[in-house]
Amino acid sequence: MIFIQMIDVLLIADFLYLKTNVYFLWLHQVADNLDNSRTLFLMLDIVFSKLLATKESQHNSAPKTATSSVSPQKMKTNDS
């Protein structure tokens, strides 16, 4: 029974994590609603930590566009 609840919670957690960034508050609410199951809380905490790490690594590995700190006006030379 707890395993089925865990799968349901993970599906909901994944959906909510993609929709919002306030997942810690939601995580505490889930733990309260499931009779303060410490094991489930720890499992969800690990899952969310991994999701956050995955999101951050995807963000950090995103291709970056080349930017220049020199404005086009500064690149012009005065030949007079």
N, C-alpha and C. Protein backbone atom coordinates (compact mmCIF):
# COMPACT_ATOMS: atom_id res chain seq x y z
N MET A 1 0.83 -1.20 0.00
CA MET A 1 0.00 0.00 0.00
C MET A 1 0.87 1.26 0.00
N ILE A 2 1.90 1.27 0.82
CA ILE A 2 2.77 2.45 0.86
C ILE A 2 3.50 2.61 -0.46
N PHE A 3 3.86 1.50 -1.11
CA PHE A 3 4.54 1.57 -2.40
C PHE A 3 3.65 2.24 -3.44
N ILE A 4 2.38 1.90 -3.46
CA ILE A 4 1.44 2.53 -4.40
C ILE A 4 1.31 4.01 -4.10
N GLN A 5 1.23 4.37 -2.82
CA GLN A 5 1.17 5.78 -2.44
C GLN A 5 2.44 6.49 -2.89
N MET A 6 3.57 5.83 -2.75
CA MET A 6 4.84 6.43 -3.13
C MET A 6 4.86 6.75 -4.62
N ILE A 7 4.39 5.83 -5.45
CA ILE A 7 4.34 6.08 -6.89
C ILE A 7 3.42 7.25 -7.19
N ASP A 8 2.26 7.29 -6.57
CA ASP A 8 1.33 8.41 -6.78
C ASP A 8 1.97 9.72 -6.36
N VAL A 9 2.62 9.72 -5.23
CA VAL A 9 3.25 10.94 -4.72
C VAL A 9 4.37 11.38 -5.65
N LEU A 10 5.15 10.44 -6.17
CA LEU A 10 6.24 10.81 -7.07
C LEU A 10 5.71 11.40 -8.37
N LEU A 11 4.62 10.85 -8.89
CA LEU A 11 4.04 11.42 -10.11
C LEU A 11 3.54 12.84 -9.87
N ILE A 12 2.86 13.03 -8.75
CA ILE A 12 2.37 14.37 -8.40
C ILE A 12 3.55 15.30 -8.14
N ALA A 13 4.56 14.78 -7.45
CA ALA A 13 5.74 15.60 -7.13
C ALA A 13 6.43 16.06 -8.40
N ASP A 14 6.57 15.16 -9.36
CA ASP A 14 7.22 15.52 -10.61
C ASP A 14 6.43 16.62 -11.32
N PHE A 15 5.11 16.48 -11.36
CA PHE A 15 4.27 17.49 -11.99
C PHE A 15 4.40 18.83 -11.28
N LEU A 16 4.30 18.82 -9.95
CA LEU A 16 4.37 20.07 -9.21
C LEU A 16 5.76 20.69 -9.29
N TYR A 17 6.79 19.87 -9.29
CA TYR A 17 8.15 20.42 -9.37
C TYR A 17 8.35 21.13 -10.70
N LEU A 18 7.80 20.58 -11.75
CA LEU A 18 7.94 21.22 -13.05
C LEU A 18 7.14 22.52 -13.12
N LYS A 19 6.07 22.59 -12.35
CA LYS A 19 5.22 23.77 -12.39
C LYS A 19 5.68 24.88 -11.44
N THR A 20 6.29 24.52 -10.33
CA THR A 20 6.67 25.52 -9.34
C THR A 20 8.05 25.22 -8.78
N ASN A 21 8.62 26.16 -8.10
CA ASN A 21 9.91 25.96 -7.45
C ASN A 21 9.77 25.87 -5.94
N VAL A 22 8.57 25.90 -5.43
CA VAL A 22 8.37 25.85 -3.98
C VAL A 22 8.01 24.43 -3.56
N TYR A 23 8.92 23.51 -3.82
CA TYR A 23 8.60 22.12 -3.55
C TYR A 23 8.87 21.72 -2.11
N PHE A 24 9.70 22.45 -1.37
CA PHE A 24 9.96 22.07 0.02
C PHE A 24 8.70 22.23 0.88
N LEU A 25 7.96 23.30 0.66
CA LEU A 25 6.71 23.48 1.39
C LEU A 25 5.75 22.36 1.07
N TRP A 26 5.65 22.02 -0.20
CA TRP A 26 4.78 20.93 -0.62
C TRP A 26 5.24 19.61 -0.02
N LEU A 27 6.55 19.40 0.06
CA LEU A 27 7.10 18.17 0.61
C LEU A 27 6.69 18.01 2.07
N HIS A 28 6.73 19.09 2.83
CA HIS A 28 6.30 19.03 4.23
C HIS A 28 4.80 18.73 4.33
N GLN A 29 4.02 19.30 3.45
CA GLN A 29 2.58 19.04 3.47
C GLN A 29 2.30 17.57 3.15
N VAL A 30 3.04 17.00 2.22
CA VAL A 30 2.85 15.58 1.89
C VAL A 30 3.17 14.72 3.09
N ALA A 31 4.27 15.02 3.77
CA ALA A 31 4.66 14.23 4.94
C ALA A 31 3.59 14.33 6.03
N ASP A 32 3.02 15.50 6.22
CA ASP A 32 1.97 15.67 7.22
C ASP A 32 0.71 14.87 6.85
N ASN A 33 0.37 14.88 5.56
CA ASN A 33 -0.83 14.19 5.11
C ASN A 33 -0.70 12.67 5.14
N LEU A 34 0.48 12.16 5.09
CA LEU A 34 0.69 10.71 5.09
C LEU A 34 1.15 10.22 6.45
N ASP A 35 0.50 10.71 7.50
CA ASP A 35 0.74 10.27 8.88
C ASP A 35 2.20 10.43 9.30
N ASN A 36 2.84 11.48 8.83
CA ASN A 36 4.22 11.78 9.20
C ASN A 36 5.15 10.59 9.00
N SER A 37 5.00 9.91 7.92
CA SER A 37 5.84 8.76 7.62
C SER A 37 7.27 9.24 7.36
N ARG A 38 8.14 8.98 8.32
CA ARG A 38 9.52 9.46 8.22
C ARG A 38 10.24 8.85 7.02
N THR A 39 10.01 7.59 6.75
CA THR A 39 10.66 6.94 5.62
C THR A 39 10.24 7.58 4.31
N LEU A 40 8.95 7.81 4.16
CA LEU A 40 8.45 8.43 2.94
C LEU A 40 9.00 9.84 2.79
N PHE A 41 9.05 10.57 3.89
CA PHE A 41 9.59 11.93 3.86
C PHE A 41 11.04 11.92 3.38
N LEU A 42 11.83 11.00 3.92
CA LEU A 42 13.24 10.93 3.52
C LEU A 42 13.37 10.52 2.05
N MET A 43 12.53 9.59 1.61
CA MET A 43 12.59 9.18 0.21
C MET A 43 12.23 10.35 -0.71
N LEU A 44 11.21 11.10 -0.36
CA LEU A 44 10.82 12.26 -1.17
C LEU A 44 11.91 13.32 -1.16
N ASP A 45 12.53 13.51 -0.01
CA ASP A 45 13.61 14.48 0.08
C ASP A 45 14.76 14.11 -0.86
N ILE A 46 15.08 12.83 -0.90
CA ILE A 46 16.14 12.36 -1.80
C ILE A 46 15.74 12.56 -3.26
N VAL A 47 14.49 12.22 -3.57
CA VAL A 47 14.01 12.37 -4.95
C VAL A 47 14.06 13.84 -5.37
N PHE A 48 13.58 14.73 -4.52
CA PHE A 48 13.59 16.14 -4.87
C PHE A 48 15.01 16.69 -4.97
N SER A 49 15.91 16.21 -4.13
CA SER A 49 17.31 16.63 -4.23
C SER A 49 17.89 16.22 -5.57
N LYS A 50 17.57 15.01 -5.99
CA LYS A 50 18.06 14.54 -7.29
C LYS A 50 17.41 15.32 -8.43
N LEU A 51 16.12 15.61 -8.31
CA LEU A 51 15.47 16.42 -9.34
C LEU A 51 16.09 17.80 -9.44
N LEU A 52 16.36 18.41 -8.29
CA LEU A 52 16.98 19.73 -8.28
C LEU A 52 18.37 19.67 -8.89
N ALA A 53 19.15 18.66 -8.54
CA ALA A 53 20.49 18.52 -9.10
C ALA A 53 20.42 18.32 -10.61
N THR A 54 19.44 17.55 -11.07
CA THR A 54 19.27 17.31 -12.50
C THR A 54 18.91 18.60 -13.21
N LYS A 55 17.97 19.35 -12.63
CA LYS A 55 17.57 20.62 -13.24
C LYS A 55 18.75 21.59 -13.30
N GLU A 56 19.54 21.66 -12.22
CA GLU A 56 20.67 22.57 -12.20
C GLU A 56 21.73 22.15 -13.20
N SER A 57 21.97 20.84 -13.33
CA SER A 57 22.98 20.39 -14.28
C SER A 57 22.51 20.64 -15.71
N GLN A 58 21.22 20.49 -15.97
CA GLN A 58 20.69 20.80 -17.30
C GLN A 58 20.82 22.28 -17.59
N HIS A 59 20.57 23.10 -16.58
CA HIS A 59 20.68 24.54 -16.76
C HIS A 59 22.12 24.95 -17.00
N ASN A 60 23.04 24.36 -16.25
CA ASN A 60 24.45 24.70 -16.37
C ASN A 60 25.07 24.16 -17.66
N SER A 61 24.53 23.09 -18.20
CA SER A 61 25.10 22.51 -19.41
C SER A 61 24.43 23.04 -20.67
N ALA A 62 23.48 23.94 -20.51
CA ALA A 62 22.80 24.51 -21.67
C ALA A 62 23.82 25.29 -22.51
N PRO A 63 23.69 25.20 -23.83
CA PRO A 63 24.64 25.93 -24.68
C PRO A 63 24.54 27.43 -24.43
N LYS A 64 25.67 28.01 -24.28
CA LYS A 64 25.71 29.45 -24.00
C LYS A 64 26.01 30.19 -25.30
N THR A 65 25.38 31.33 -25.44
CA THR A 65 25.64 32.13 -26.62
C THR A 65 26.86 33.00 -26.36
N ALA A 66 27.61 33.22 -27.39
CA ALA A 66 28.81 34.03 -27.26
C ALA A 66 28.40 35.48 -27.04
N THR A 67 28.92 36.06 -26.01
CA THR A 67 28.62 37.46 -25.73
C THR A 67 29.93 38.22 -25.60
N SER A 68 29.89 39.43 -25.94
CA SER A 68 31.08 40.27 -25.86
C SER A 68 30.83 41.37 -24.84
N SER A 69 31.86 41.66 -24.08
CA SER A 69 31.71 42.74 -23.10
C SER A 69 32.01 44.09 -23.72
N VAL A 70 32.44 44.08 -24.97
CA VAL A 70 32.75 45.33 -25.66
C VAL A 70 31.56 45.70 -26.52
N SER A 71 31.09 46.92 -26.33
CA SER A 71 29.95 47.36 -27.12
C SER A 71 30.39 47.73 -28.53
N PRO A 72 29.47 47.70 -29.49
CA PRO A 72 29.84 48.05 -30.87
C PRO A 72 30.40 49.46 -30.99
N GLN A 73 29.96 50.38 -30.15
CA GLN A 73 30.48 51.74 -30.20
C GLN A 73 31.96 51.78 -29.82
N LYS A 74 32.35 50.97 -28.86
CA LYS A 74 33.75 50.96 -28.43
C LYS A 74 34.64 50.27 -29.46
N MET A 75 34.06 49.43 -30.30
CA MET A 75 34.86 48.71 -31.29
C MET A 75 35.23 49.61 -32.46
N LYS A 76 34.48 50.67 -32.68
CA LYS A 76 34.78 51.58 -33.78
C LYS A 76 36.05 52.35 -33.46
N THR A 77 36.84 52.60 -34.47
CA THR A 77 38.07 53.37 -34.27
C THR A 77 37.93 54.72 -34.95
N ASN A 78 38.61 55.66 -34.40
CA ASN A 78 38.61 57.01 -34.99
C ASN A 78 39.83 57.11 -35.90
N ASP A 79 39.61 57.17 -37.21
CA ASP A 79 40.70 57.26 -38.17
C ASP A 79 40.96 58.70 -38.60
N SER A 80 40.41 59.68 -37.94
CA SER A 80 40.59 61.06 -38.37
C SER A 80 41.81 61.69 -37.78
